[in-house]
Structures are given as structure tokens and as C-alpha cells.
N, C-alpha and C. Protein backbone atom coordinates (compact mmCIF):
# COMPACT_ATOMS: atom_id res chain seq x y z
N MET A 1 -103.41 65.41 43.29
CA MET A 1 -103.08 64.45 44.32
C MET A 1 -104.37 63.83 44.86
N THR A 2 -104.23 62.68 45.46
CA THR A 2 -105.38 61.97 45.99
C THR A 2 -105.52 62.22 47.49
N VAL A 3 -106.67 61.81 48.03
CA VAL A 3 -106.94 61.97 49.46
C VAL A 3 -105.84 61.29 50.28
N GLU A 4 -105.47 60.10 49.88
CA GLU A 4 -104.47 59.34 50.63
C GLU A 4 -103.12 60.06 50.66
N ARG A 5 -102.73 60.64 49.54
CA ARG A 5 -101.45 61.35 49.50
C ARG A 5 -101.51 62.65 50.30
N TYR A 6 -102.63 63.38 50.18
CA TYR A 6 -102.81 64.57 51.01
C TYR A 6 -102.75 64.22 52.49
N LEU A 7 -103.40 63.11 52.84
CA LEU A 7 -103.43 62.69 54.24
C LEU A 7 -102.03 62.43 54.77
N ARG A 8 -101.22 61.74 54.01
CA ARG A 8 -99.83 61.48 54.43
C ARG A 8 -99.04 62.77 54.56
N LEU A 9 -99.24 63.68 53.61
CA LEU A 9 -98.54 64.96 53.65
C LEU A 9 -98.93 65.77 54.88
N ILE A 10 -100.23 65.87 55.14
CA ILE A 10 -100.71 66.65 56.27
C ILE A 10 -100.27 66.02 57.59
N ALA A 11 -100.39 64.70 57.70
CA ALA A 11 -99.97 64.03 58.94
C ALA A 11 -98.47 64.23 59.18
N GLY A 12 -97.67 64.10 58.14
CA GLY A 12 -96.23 64.31 58.29
C GLY A 12 -95.90 65.74 58.71
N CYS A 13 -96.60 66.71 58.13
CA CYS A 13 -96.38 68.11 58.51
C CYS A 13 -96.80 68.37 59.95
N PHE A 14 -97.95 67.79 60.36
CA PHE A 14 -98.39 67.95 61.75
C PHE A 14 -97.38 67.34 62.72
N VAL A 15 -96.89 66.15 62.41
CA VAL A 15 -95.93 65.50 63.30
C VAL A 15 -94.65 66.32 63.40
N LEU A 16 -94.13 66.76 62.27
CA LEU A 16 -92.91 67.55 62.28
C LEU A 16 -93.10 68.87 63.03
N ALA A 17 -94.22 69.55 62.76
CA ALA A 17 -94.47 70.83 63.43
C ALA A 17 -94.63 70.66 64.93
N THR A 18 -95.37 69.62 65.36
CA THR A 18 -95.58 69.45 66.79
C THR A 18 -94.32 68.96 67.51
N LEU A 19 -93.48 68.22 66.81
CA LEU A 19 -92.19 67.84 67.41
C LEU A 19 -91.32 69.07 67.64
N LEU A 20 -91.28 69.96 66.66
CA LEU A 20 -90.51 71.19 66.82
C LEU A 20 -91.10 72.08 67.91
N LEU A 21 -92.42 72.22 67.92
CA LEU A 21 -93.06 73.03 68.96
C LEU A 21 -92.86 72.40 70.34
N GLY A 22 -92.90 71.09 70.42
CA GLY A 22 -92.68 70.41 71.70
C GLY A 22 -91.26 70.59 72.21
N TYR A 23 -90.31 70.63 71.31
CA TYR A 23 -88.91 70.79 71.71
C TYR A 23 -88.60 72.23 72.08
N PHE A 24 -89.10 73.18 71.28
CA PHE A 24 -88.72 74.58 71.48
C PHE A 24 -89.71 75.39 72.32
N HIS A 25 -90.97 74.97 72.41
CA HIS A 25 -91.97 75.80 73.07
C HIS A 25 -92.51 75.16 74.34
N SER A 26 -93.24 74.07 74.20
CA SER A 26 -93.87 73.43 75.36
C SER A 26 -94.00 71.93 75.10
N SER A 27 -93.71 71.14 76.09
CA SER A 27 -93.78 69.69 75.91
C SER A 27 -95.22 69.20 75.75
N TYR A 28 -96.21 70.04 76.03
CA TYR A 28 -97.60 69.65 75.83
C TYR A 28 -97.93 69.43 74.35
N TRP A 29 -97.14 69.97 73.44
CA TRP A 29 -97.36 69.74 72.01
C TRP A 29 -97.17 68.28 71.64
N PHE A 30 -96.41 67.54 72.45
CA PHE A 30 -96.22 66.11 72.16
C PHE A 30 -97.53 65.34 72.30
N LEU A 31 -98.48 65.86 73.04
CA LEU A 31 -99.80 65.23 73.12
C LEU A 31 -100.49 65.26 71.77
N PHE A 32 -100.34 66.36 71.04
CA PHE A 32 -100.93 66.45 69.71
C PHE A 32 -100.24 65.48 68.76
N THR A 33 -98.93 65.30 68.91
CA THR A 33 -98.21 64.31 68.10
C THR A 33 -98.79 62.93 68.35
N GLY A 34 -99.05 62.61 69.61
CA GLY A 34 -99.67 61.33 69.94
C GLY A 34 -101.06 61.19 69.36
N PHE A 35 -101.82 62.27 69.34
CA PHE A 35 -103.16 62.25 68.76
C PHE A 35 -103.09 61.93 67.26
N VAL A 36 -102.15 62.54 66.56
CA VAL A 36 -101.98 62.26 65.13
C VAL A 36 -101.61 60.79 64.93
N ALA A 37 -100.72 60.28 65.77
CA ALA A 37 -100.31 58.88 65.66
C ALA A 37 -101.49 57.94 65.89
N LEU A 38 -102.30 58.22 66.90
CA LEU A 38 -103.47 57.38 67.17
C LEU A 38 -104.46 57.42 66.02
N ASN A 39 -104.64 58.59 65.40
CA ASN A 39 -105.53 58.67 64.24
C ASN A 39 -104.99 57.85 63.08
N LEU A 40 -103.68 57.87 62.86
CA LEU A 40 -103.10 57.08 61.77
C LEU A 40 -103.25 55.59 62.03
N ILE A 41 -103.06 55.17 63.29
CA ILE A 41 -103.23 53.76 63.63
C ILE A 41 -104.68 53.34 63.45
N GLN A 42 -105.61 54.17 63.93
CA GLN A 42 -107.03 53.89 63.79
C GLN A 42 -107.43 53.81 62.32
N SER A 43 -106.90 54.71 61.49
CA SER A 43 -107.26 54.70 60.07
C SER A 43 -106.69 53.50 59.34
N ALA A 44 -105.61 52.92 59.86
CA ALA A 44 -105.07 51.71 59.23
C ALA A 44 -106.04 50.55 59.35
N PHE A 45 -106.81 50.51 60.45
CA PHE A 45 -107.76 49.43 60.66
C PHE A 45 -109.13 49.72 60.06
N THR A 46 -109.54 50.99 60.04
CA THR A 46 -110.90 51.32 59.60
C THR A 46 -110.95 51.95 58.22
N ASP A 47 -109.81 52.35 57.68
CA ASP A 47 -109.72 53.05 56.39
C ASP A 47 -110.53 54.34 56.39
N TRP A 48 -110.59 55.01 57.54
CA TRP A 48 -111.29 56.28 57.67
C TRP A 48 -110.61 57.11 58.76
N CYS A 49 -110.52 58.40 58.53
CA CYS A 49 -110.13 59.33 59.57
C CYS A 49 -110.82 60.66 59.27
N PRO A 50 -110.97 61.53 60.26
CA PRO A 50 -111.69 62.78 60.05
C PRO A 50 -111.10 63.64 58.93
N MET A 51 -109.80 63.64 58.78
CA MET A 51 -109.16 64.45 57.75
C MET A 51 -109.56 63.97 56.35
N MET A 52 -109.77 62.67 56.18
CA MET A 52 -110.17 62.15 54.87
C MET A 52 -111.54 62.70 54.47
N SER A 53 -112.45 62.76 55.42
CA SER A 53 -113.79 63.32 55.13
C SER A 53 -113.67 64.79 54.76
N PHE A 54 -112.84 65.52 55.47
CA PHE A 54 -112.64 66.94 55.19
C PHE A 54 -112.03 67.15 53.81
N LEU A 55 -111.04 66.33 53.45
CA LEU A 55 -110.40 66.45 52.15
C LEU A 55 -111.37 66.12 51.01
N ARG A 56 -112.20 65.11 51.22
CA ARG A 56 -113.21 64.78 50.21
C ARG A 56 -114.21 65.92 50.06
N TRP A 57 -114.58 66.54 51.18
CA TRP A 57 -115.49 67.67 51.15
C TRP A 57 -114.89 68.83 50.35
N LEU A 58 -113.55 68.97 50.44
CA LEU A 58 -112.87 70.01 49.69
C LEU A 58 -112.70 69.65 48.21
N GLY A 59 -112.98 68.40 47.85
CA GLY A 59 -112.94 68.02 46.44
C GLY A 59 -111.80 67.12 46.03
N ALA A 60 -111.00 66.65 46.98
CA ALA A 60 -109.90 65.74 46.63
C ALA A 60 -110.47 64.39 46.24
N LYS A 61 -109.85 63.75 45.28
CA LYS A 61 -110.30 62.45 44.78
C LYS A 61 -109.60 61.33 45.55
N SER A 62 -110.28 60.19 45.70
CA SER A 62 -109.66 59.04 46.35
C SER A 62 -108.96 58.18 45.31
N ASP A 63 -108.09 57.28 45.77
CA ASP A 63 -107.38 56.38 44.86
C ASP A 63 -108.35 55.51 44.09
N ALA A 64 -109.43 55.06 44.71
CA ALA A 64 -110.40 54.21 44.05
C ALA A 64 -111.00 54.91 42.84
N ALA A 65 -111.29 56.20 42.97
CA ALA A 65 -111.87 56.96 41.85
C ALA A 65 -110.86 57.09 40.71
N SER A 66 -109.60 57.32 41.04
CA SER A 66 -108.61 57.47 39.98
C SER A 66 -108.31 56.14 39.32
N LEU A 67 -108.40 55.03 40.08
CA LEU A 67 -108.17 53.72 39.48
C LEU A 67 -109.31 53.34 38.55
N SER A 68 -110.53 53.65 38.92
CA SER A 68 -111.66 53.29 38.06
C SER A 68 -111.65 54.10 36.77
N ARG A 69 -111.21 55.34 36.82
CA ARG A 69 -111.11 56.15 35.60
C ARG A 69 -110.06 55.60 34.67
N SER A 70 -108.91 55.16 35.22
CA SER A 70 -107.84 54.66 34.36
C SER A 70 -108.20 53.31 33.73
N SER A 71 -109.04 52.52 34.41
CA SER A 71 -109.43 51.24 33.84
C SER A 71 -110.48 51.40 32.74
N GLU A 72 -111.23 52.53 32.77
CA GLU A 72 -112.24 52.78 31.74
C GLU A 72 -111.61 53.21 30.42
N ALA A 73 -110.44 53.78 30.45
CA ALA A 73 -109.81 54.32 29.25
C ALA A 73 -109.29 53.25 28.33
């Protein structure tokens, strides 16, 4: 999987988990849901978010790298 797909997966899991925690445990978890949303909005304009840097550090490939490999073949 690519960085972009991992990012969507992780963001979706965070949103779902914090919604459940906010409903069943404490409404303060909704603040974390808002933080994830703000990061997604910010990354739409800048094409960068902290999780993308972390995923690249872990070795995930970006879409640009996979596209350039497929065009070389």
C-alpha cells in the first residue's frame, strides 16, 4: 500500500475510534476527532501531514514513486 492509502486508513480508524470513545466514554474524545479533521483539511491544501512523514520514515512508498516505476517498465 502507498502512503496515501495508509493515511486514509489510519485517519478513518482514528475517526471511528474517537467517535465511539466520545459516545461511550467521554465527550472530550470528540476534540481528537476534530484534530484529525483539521489535519485532513490542512493536508488537502499543503499535500503534507505529520502522519505522512512518519509513514515514509517507516518505509511506505508514495503514489509518485509507484507511478514512476510503472512508467519505466
